[in-house]
Amino acid sequence: MSLLDTSQIACEYCRRKFVPKKRWVQKYCGSPCRVAACNQRAGRAHPLESQSAIKARRRKERGRTPTAVATAQASPATEEILAAIGQLAERMTAMEQLQQQLLALLLPPAT
């Protein structure tokens, strides 16, 4: 390739035609295409993809979309655990109320 050679080649990522620089063998038209190609090879998300889009895509890949989760029924053991957690929360609330009453009896009011 001579210095006056202005032949164009296609970018390996976006396929646009560009005139390569003379310093090295250039595969991509610029840094954005080079970085995007590297991310694609590594299996990373596109840097401009929003976080919500990434999460939705991953949920879909795992089969955890809202409709898939809704169709899966909770097992009886899960329901028993949730009931026990509810009872425990009620007991803790009652215990906190008793603790406040006891503190009110033991500590004289500040004057």
N, C-alpha and C. Protein backbone atom coordinates (compact mmCIF):
# COMPACT_ATOMS: atom_id res chain seq x y z
N MET A 1 0.85 -1.17 0.00
CA MET A 1 0.00 0.00 0.00
C MET A 1 0.90 1.24 0.00
N SER A 2 0.72 2.10 -0.92
CA SER A 2 1.54 3.31 -0.99
C SER A 2 0.87 4.44 -0.20
N LEU A 3 1.58 5.52 -0.02
CA LEU A 3 1.04 6.64 0.73
C LEU A 3 -0.12 7.32 0.01
N LEU A 4 -0.18 7.19 -1.28
CA LEU A 4 -1.25 7.82 -2.05
C LEU A 4 -2.43 6.88 -2.27
N ASP A 5 -2.33 5.67 -1.74
CA ASP A 5 -3.40 4.69 -1.93
C ASP A 5 -4.59 5.06 -1.04
N THR A 6 -5.73 5.28 -1.64
CA THR A 6 -6.94 5.65 -0.89
C THR A 6 -8.01 4.59 -1.03
N SER A 7 -7.59 3.34 -1.16
CA SER A 7 -8.58 2.27 -1.29
C SER A 7 -9.32 2.10 0.03
N GLN A 8 -10.56 1.77 -0.07
CA GLN A 8 -11.39 1.63 1.12
C GLN A 8 -11.58 0.15 1.43
N ILE A 9 -11.70 -0.13 2.72
CA ILE A 9 -12.02 -1.49 3.15
C ILE A 9 -13.24 -1.41 4.06
N ALA A 10 -13.89 -2.55 4.28
CA ALA A 10 -15.10 -2.59 5.11
C ALA A 10 -14.72 -2.87 6.57
N CYS A 11 -15.34 -2.15 7.47
CA CYS A 11 -15.16 -2.37 8.90
C CYS A 11 -15.69 -3.76 9.23
N GLU A 12 -14.94 -4.52 10.03
CA GLU A 12 -15.37 -5.88 10.36
C GLU A 12 -16.56 -5.91 11.30
N TYR A 13 -16.87 -4.80 11.95
CA TYR A 13 -18.01 -4.78 12.87
C TYR A 13 -19.26 -4.19 12.21
N CYS A 14 -19.16 -2.98 11.68
CA CYS A 14 -20.35 -2.31 11.14
C CYS A 14 -20.46 -2.40 9.62
N ARG A 15 -19.42 -2.88 8.95
CA ARG A 15 -19.39 -3.07 7.50
C ARG A 15 -19.39 -1.77 6.70
N ARG A 16 -19.15 -0.63 7.35
CA ARG A 16 -19.03 0.63 6.60
C ARG A 16 -17.66 0.68 5.94
N LYS A 17 -17.60 1.35 4.83
CA LYS A 17 -16.33 1.52 4.11
C LYS A 17 -15.54 2.66 4.75
N PHE A 18 -14.22 2.48 4.86
CA PHE A 18 -13.36 3.53 5.39
C PHE A 18 -11.97 3.37 4.79
N VAL A 19 -11.21 4.45 4.83
CA VAL A 19 -9.82 4.43 4.36
C VAL A 19 -8.95 4.17 5.59
N PRO A 20 -8.22 3.06 5.62
CA PRO A 20 -7.42 2.74 6.81
C PRO A 20 -6.21 3.67 6.95
N LYS A 21 -5.76 3.83 8.18
CA LYS A 21 -4.55 4.60 8.44
C LYS A 21 -3.36 3.74 8.01
N LYS A 22 -2.26 4.35 7.77
CA LYS A 22 -1.12 3.63 7.20
C LYS A 22 -0.21 2.99 8.25
N ARG A 23 -0.46 3.20 9.51
CA ARG A 23 0.48 2.74 10.53
C ARG A 23 0.35 1.25 10.86
N TRP A 24 -0.81 0.67 10.75
CA TRP A 24 -1.02 -0.73 11.11
C TRP A 24 -2.15 -1.30 10.28
N VAL A 25 -2.35 -2.59 10.39
CA VAL A 25 -3.47 -3.23 9.70
C VAL A 25 -4.71 -2.89 10.51
N GLN A 26 -5.62 -2.20 9.90
CA GLN A 26 -6.79 -1.69 10.60
C GLN A 26 -8.01 -2.50 10.20
N LYS A 27 -8.67 -3.12 11.18
CA LYS A 27 -9.86 -3.94 10.92
C LYS A 27 -11.15 -3.16 11.10
N TYR A 28 -11.13 -2.15 11.96
CA TYR A 28 -12.34 -1.44 12.34
C TYR A 28 -12.22 0.03 11.95
N CYS A 29 -13.36 0.67 11.71
CA CYS A 29 -13.36 2.07 11.27
C CYS A 29 -12.99 3.02 12.41
N GLY A 30 -13.17 2.61 13.65
CA GLY A 30 -12.84 3.48 14.77
C GLY A 30 -12.91 2.74 16.09
N SER A 31 -12.64 3.46 17.16
CA SER A 31 -12.64 2.86 18.50
C SER A 31 -14.00 2.29 18.91
N PRO A 32 -15.12 2.98 18.64
CA PRO A 32 -16.41 2.41 19.06
C PRO A 32 -16.66 1.02 18.46
N CYS A 33 -16.33 0.83 17.18
CA CYS A 33 -16.53 -0.48 16.56
C CYS A 33 -15.56 -1.50 17.13
N ARG A 34 -14.32 -1.08 17.40
CA ARG A 34 -13.32 -2.00 17.96
C ARG A 34 -13.75 -2.47 19.35
N VAL A 35 -14.22 -1.55 20.19
CA VAL A 35 -14.66 -1.90 21.54
C VAL A 35 -15.91 -2.76 21.49
N ALA A 36 -16.86 -2.42 20.62
CA ALA A 36 -18.09 -3.20 20.50
C ALA A 36 -17.78 -4.61 20.03
N ALA A 37 -16.84 -4.77 19.11
CA ALA A 37 -16.46 -6.11 18.64
C ALA A 37 -15.82 -6.91 19.76
N CYS A 38 -14.99 -6.26 20.56
CA CYS A 38 -14.35 -6.93 21.70
C CYS A 38 -15.41 -7.37 22.71
N ASN A 39 -16.36 -6.49 23.01
CA ASN A 39 -17.44 -6.83 23.94
C ASN A 39 -18.27 -7.98 23.40
N GLN A 40 -18.51 -7.98 22.11
CA GLN A 40 -19.31 -9.04 21.50
C GLN A 40 -18.57 -10.38 21.60
N ARG A 41 -17.27 -10.37 21.34
CA ARG A 41 -16.49 -11.61 21.44
C ARG A 41 -16.47 -12.13 22.87
N ALA A 42 -16.39 -11.21 23.84
CA ALA A 42 -16.32 -11.59 25.25
C ALA A 42 -17.68 -11.93 25.84
N GLY A 43 -18.75 -11.67 25.10
CA GLY A 43 -20.09 -11.97 25.60
C GLY A 43 -20.62 -10.94 26.57
N ARG A 44 -20.01 -9.77 26.59
CA ARG A 44 -20.49 -8.70 27.47
C ARG A 44 -21.59 -7.92 26.78
N ALA A 45 -22.38 -7.24 27.59
CA ALA A 45 -23.48 -6.43 27.06
C ALA A 45 -22.93 -5.22 26.31
N HIS A 46 -23.72 -4.72 25.42
CA HIS A 46 -23.35 -3.50 24.71
C HIS A 46 -23.34 -2.37 25.73
N PRO A 47 -22.33 -1.50 25.72
CA PRO A 47 -22.25 -0.46 26.75
C PRO A 47 -23.42 0.50 26.76
N LEU A 48 -24.14 0.62 25.66
CA LEU A 48 -25.27 1.54 25.62
C LEU A 48 -26.59 0.88 26.00
N GLU A 49 -26.57 -0.43 26.25
CA GLU A 49 -27.80 -1.13 26.63
C GLU A 49 -28.16 -0.73 28.06
N SER A 50 -29.41 -0.36 28.28
CA SER A 50 -29.81 0.10 29.60
C SER A 50 -29.83 -1.06 30.60
N GLN A 51 -29.71 -0.72 31.87
CA GLN A 51 -29.70 -1.75 32.91
C GLN A 51 -31.01 -2.52 32.94
N SER A 52 -32.13 -1.82 32.73
CA SER A 52 -33.42 -2.52 32.74
C SER A 52 -33.52 -3.48 31.56
N ALA A 53 -32.97 -3.10 30.41
CA ALA A 53 -32.99 -3.99 29.25
C ALA A 53 -32.11 -5.21 29.50
N ILE A 54 -30.98 -5.01 30.17
CA ILE A 54 -30.09 -6.13 30.49
C ILE A 54 -30.80 -7.10 31.42
N LYS A 55 -31.46 -6.56 32.48
CA LYS A 55 -32.16 -7.42 33.43
C LYS A 55 -33.30 -8.18 32.77
N ALA A 56 -34.05 -7.50 31.90
CA ALA A 56 -35.16 -8.16 31.20
C ALA A 56 -34.65 -9.27 30.29
N ARG A 57 -33.54 -9.01 29.61
CA ARG A 57 -32.97 -10.03 28.72
C ARG A 57 -32.49 -11.23 29.52
N ARG A 58 -31.85 -10.99 30.66
CA ARG A 58 -31.35 -12.10 31.49
C ARG A 58 -32.50 -12.90 32.09
N ARG A 59 -33.58 -12.21 32.54
CA ARG A 59 -34.75 -12.93 33.07
C ARG A 59 -35.35 -13.81 31.99
N LYS A 60 -35.43 -13.29 30.78
CA LYS A 60 -36.00 -14.06 29.68
C LYS A 60 -35.13 -15.28 29.38
N GLU A 61 -33.81 -15.11 29.41
CA GLU A 61 -32.90 -16.22 29.15
C GLU A 61 -33.03 -17.30 30.22
N ARG A 62 -33.29 -16.91 31.46
CA ARG A 62 -33.40 -17.86 32.56
C ARG A 62 -34.81 -18.42 32.72
N GLY A 63 -35.76 -17.91 31.93
CA GLY A 63 -37.14 -18.37 32.07
C GLY A 63 -37.83 -17.81 33.29
N ARG A 64 -37.42 -16.62 33.72
CA ARG A 64 -37.99 -16.01 34.93
C ARG A 64 -38.75 -14.74 34.58
N THR A 65 -39.48 -14.77 33.50
CA THR A 65 -40.30 -13.63 33.14
C THR A 65 -41.48 -13.57 34.11
N PRO A 66 -42.17 -12.44 34.22
CA PRO A 66 -43.30 -12.34 35.14
C PRO A 66 -44.38 -13.40 34.89
N THR A 67 -44.62 -13.75 33.65
CA THR A 67 -45.63 -14.78 33.38
C THR A 67 -45.15 -16.15 33.83
N ALA A 68 -43.85 -16.43 33.67
CA ALA A 68 -43.32 -17.72 34.10
C ALA A 68 -43.36 -17.83 35.62
N VAL A 69 -43.08 -16.73 36.30
CA VAL A 69 -43.11 -16.75 37.76
C VAL A 69 -44.55 -16.90 38.25
N ALA A 70 -45.50 -16.26 37.58
CA ALA A 70 -46.90 -16.34 38.00
C ALA A 70 -47.46 -17.74 37.82
N THR A 71 -47.00 -18.46 36.81
CA THR A 71 -47.51 -19.81 36.58
C THR A 71 -46.94 -20.81 37.58
N ALA A 72 -45.75 -20.52 38.10
CA ALA A 72 -45.17 -21.42 39.09
C ALA A 72 -45.89 -21.22 40.43
N GLN A 73 -46.46 -22.29 40.95
CA GLN A 73 -47.21 -22.18 42.20
C GLN A 73 -46.28 -22.39 43.38
N ALA A 74 -46.58 -21.71 44.47
CA ALA A 74 -45.79 -21.85 45.69
C ALA A 74 -46.07 -23.21 46.31
N SER A 75 -45.03 -23.83 46.81
CA SER A 75 -45.20 -25.15 47.43
C SER A 75 -45.80 -24.97 48.83
N PRO A 76 -46.43 -26.04 49.38
CA PRO A 76 -47.00 -25.94 50.73
C PRO A 76 -45.95 -25.57 51.78
N ALA A 77 -44.73 -26.05 51.62
CA ALA A 77 -43.68 -25.73 52.58
C ALA A 77 -43.41 -24.23 52.59
N THR A 78 -43.43 -23.62 51.43
CA THR A 78 -43.21 -22.18 51.33
C THR A 78 -44.33 -21.42 52.03
N GLU A 79 -45.56 -21.86 51.86
CA GLU A 79 -46.69 -21.21 52.52
C GLU A 79 -46.59 -21.34 54.03
N GLU A 80 -46.14 -22.50 54.52
CA GLU A 80 -45.98 -22.70 55.96
C GLU A 80 -44.89 -21.77 56.51
N ILE A 81 -43.83 -21.63 55.76
CA ILE A 81 -42.73 -20.75 56.18
C ILE A 81 -43.21 -19.30 56.24
N LEU A 82 -43.97 -18.88 55.23
CA LEU A 82 -44.48 -17.51 55.22
C LEU A 82 -45.43 -17.27 56.39
N ALA A 83 -46.26 -18.27 56.73
CA ALA A 83 -47.16 -18.13 57.87
C ALA A 83 -46.36 -18.01 59.17
N ALA A 84 -45.31 -18.80 59.31
CA ALA A 84 -44.47 -18.73 60.51
C ALA A 84 -43.77 -17.37 60.62
N ILE A 85 -43.34 -16.83 59.49
CA ILE A 85 -42.70 -15.52 59.50
C ILE A 85 -43.70 -14.45 59.94
N GLY A 86 -44.95 -14.56 59.48
CA GLY A 86 -45.98 -13.61 59.89
C GLY A 86 -46.24 -13.67 61.38
N GLN A 87 -46.31 -14.89 61.94
CA GLN A 87 -46.52 -15.04 63.38
C GLN A 87 -45.34 -14.46 64.17
N LEU A 88 -44.15 -14.70 63.68
CA LEU A 88 -42.96 -14.18 64.35
C LEU A 88 -42.96 -12.65 64.35
N ALA A 89 -43.37 -12.06 63.24
CA ALA A 89 -43.42 -10.60 63.17
C ALA A 89 -44.43 -10.04 64.17
N GLU A 90 -45.57 -10.71 64.32
CA GLU A 90 -46.58 -10.26 65.29
C GLU A 90 -46.03 -10.35 66.71
N ARG A 91 -45.34 -11.44 67.02
CA ARG A 91 -44.77 -11.62 68.36
C ARG A 91 -43.71 -10.56 68.65
N MET A 92 -42.89 -10.25 67.64
CA MET A 92 -41.85 -9.25 67.85
C MET A 92 -42.46 -7.87 68.08
N THR A 93 -43.54 -7.56 67.39
CA THR A 93 -44.22 -6.28 67.60
C THR A 93 -44.76 -6.20 69.02
N ALA A 94 -45.38 -7.28 69.49
CA ALA A 94 -45.91 -7.31 70.86
C ALA A 94 -44.78 -7.18 71.87
N MET A 95 -43.65 -7.84 71.61
CA MET A 95 -42.52 -7.78 72.52
C MET A 95 -41.95 -6.36 72.57
N GLU A 96 -41.88 -5.68 71.43
CA GLU A 96 -41.38 -4.31 71.42
C GLU A 96 -42.31 -3.38 72.20
N GLN A 97 -43.62 -3.61 72.12
CA GLN A 97 -44.56 -2.79 72.89
C GLN A 97 -44.38 -3.03 74.38
N LEU A 98 -44.19 -4.29 74.79
CA LEU A 98 -43.96 -4.59 76.20
C LEU A 98 -42.64 -3.97 76.67
N GLN A 99 -41.64 -3.99 75.84
CA GLN A 99 -40.36 -3.40 76.19
C GLN A 99 -40.50 -1.89 76.41
N GLN A 100 -41.26 -1.21 75.56
CA GLN A 100 -41.48 0.22 75.72
C GLN A 100 -42.23 0.51 77.03
N GLN A 101 -43.22 -0.32 77.36
CA GLN A 101 -43.98 -0.13 78.60
C GLN A 101 -43.07 -0.34 79.81
N LEU A 102 -42.21 -1.35 79.75
CA LEU A 102 -41.30 -1.63 80.86
C LEU A 102 -40.31 -0.49 81.04
N LEU A 103 -39.79 0.03 79.95
CA LEU A 103 -38.87 1.16 80.05
C LEU A 103 -39.56 2.39 80.63
N ALA A 104 -40.82 2.58 80.28
CA ALA A 104 -41.57 3.73 80.81
C ALA A 104 -41.76 3.58 82.32
N LEU A 105 -41.92 2.35 82.82
CA LEU A 105 -42.09 2.13 84.26
C LEU A 105 -40.77 2.27 85.01
N LEU A 106 -39.68 1.79 84.40
CA LEU A 106 -38.40 1.79 85.09
C LEU A 106 -37.71 3.15 85.07
N LEU A 107 -37.84 3.86 83.97
CA LEU A 107 -37.17 5.16 83.87
C LEU A 107 -38.15 6.27 84.21
N PRO A 108 -37.79 7.09 85.16
CA PRO A 108 -38.69 8.20 85.49
C PRO A 108 -38.72 9.21 84.35
N PRO A 109 -39.83 9.87 84.17
CA PRO A 109 -39.91 10.87 83.10
C PRO A 109 -38.94 12.02 83.37
N ALA A 110 -38.32 12.51 82.32
CA ALA A 110 -37.36 13.60 82.45
C ALA A 110 -38.11 14.90 82.70
N THR A 111 -37.65 15.63 83.72
CA THR A 111 -38.30 16.91 84.05
C THR A 111 -37.35 18.05 83.93
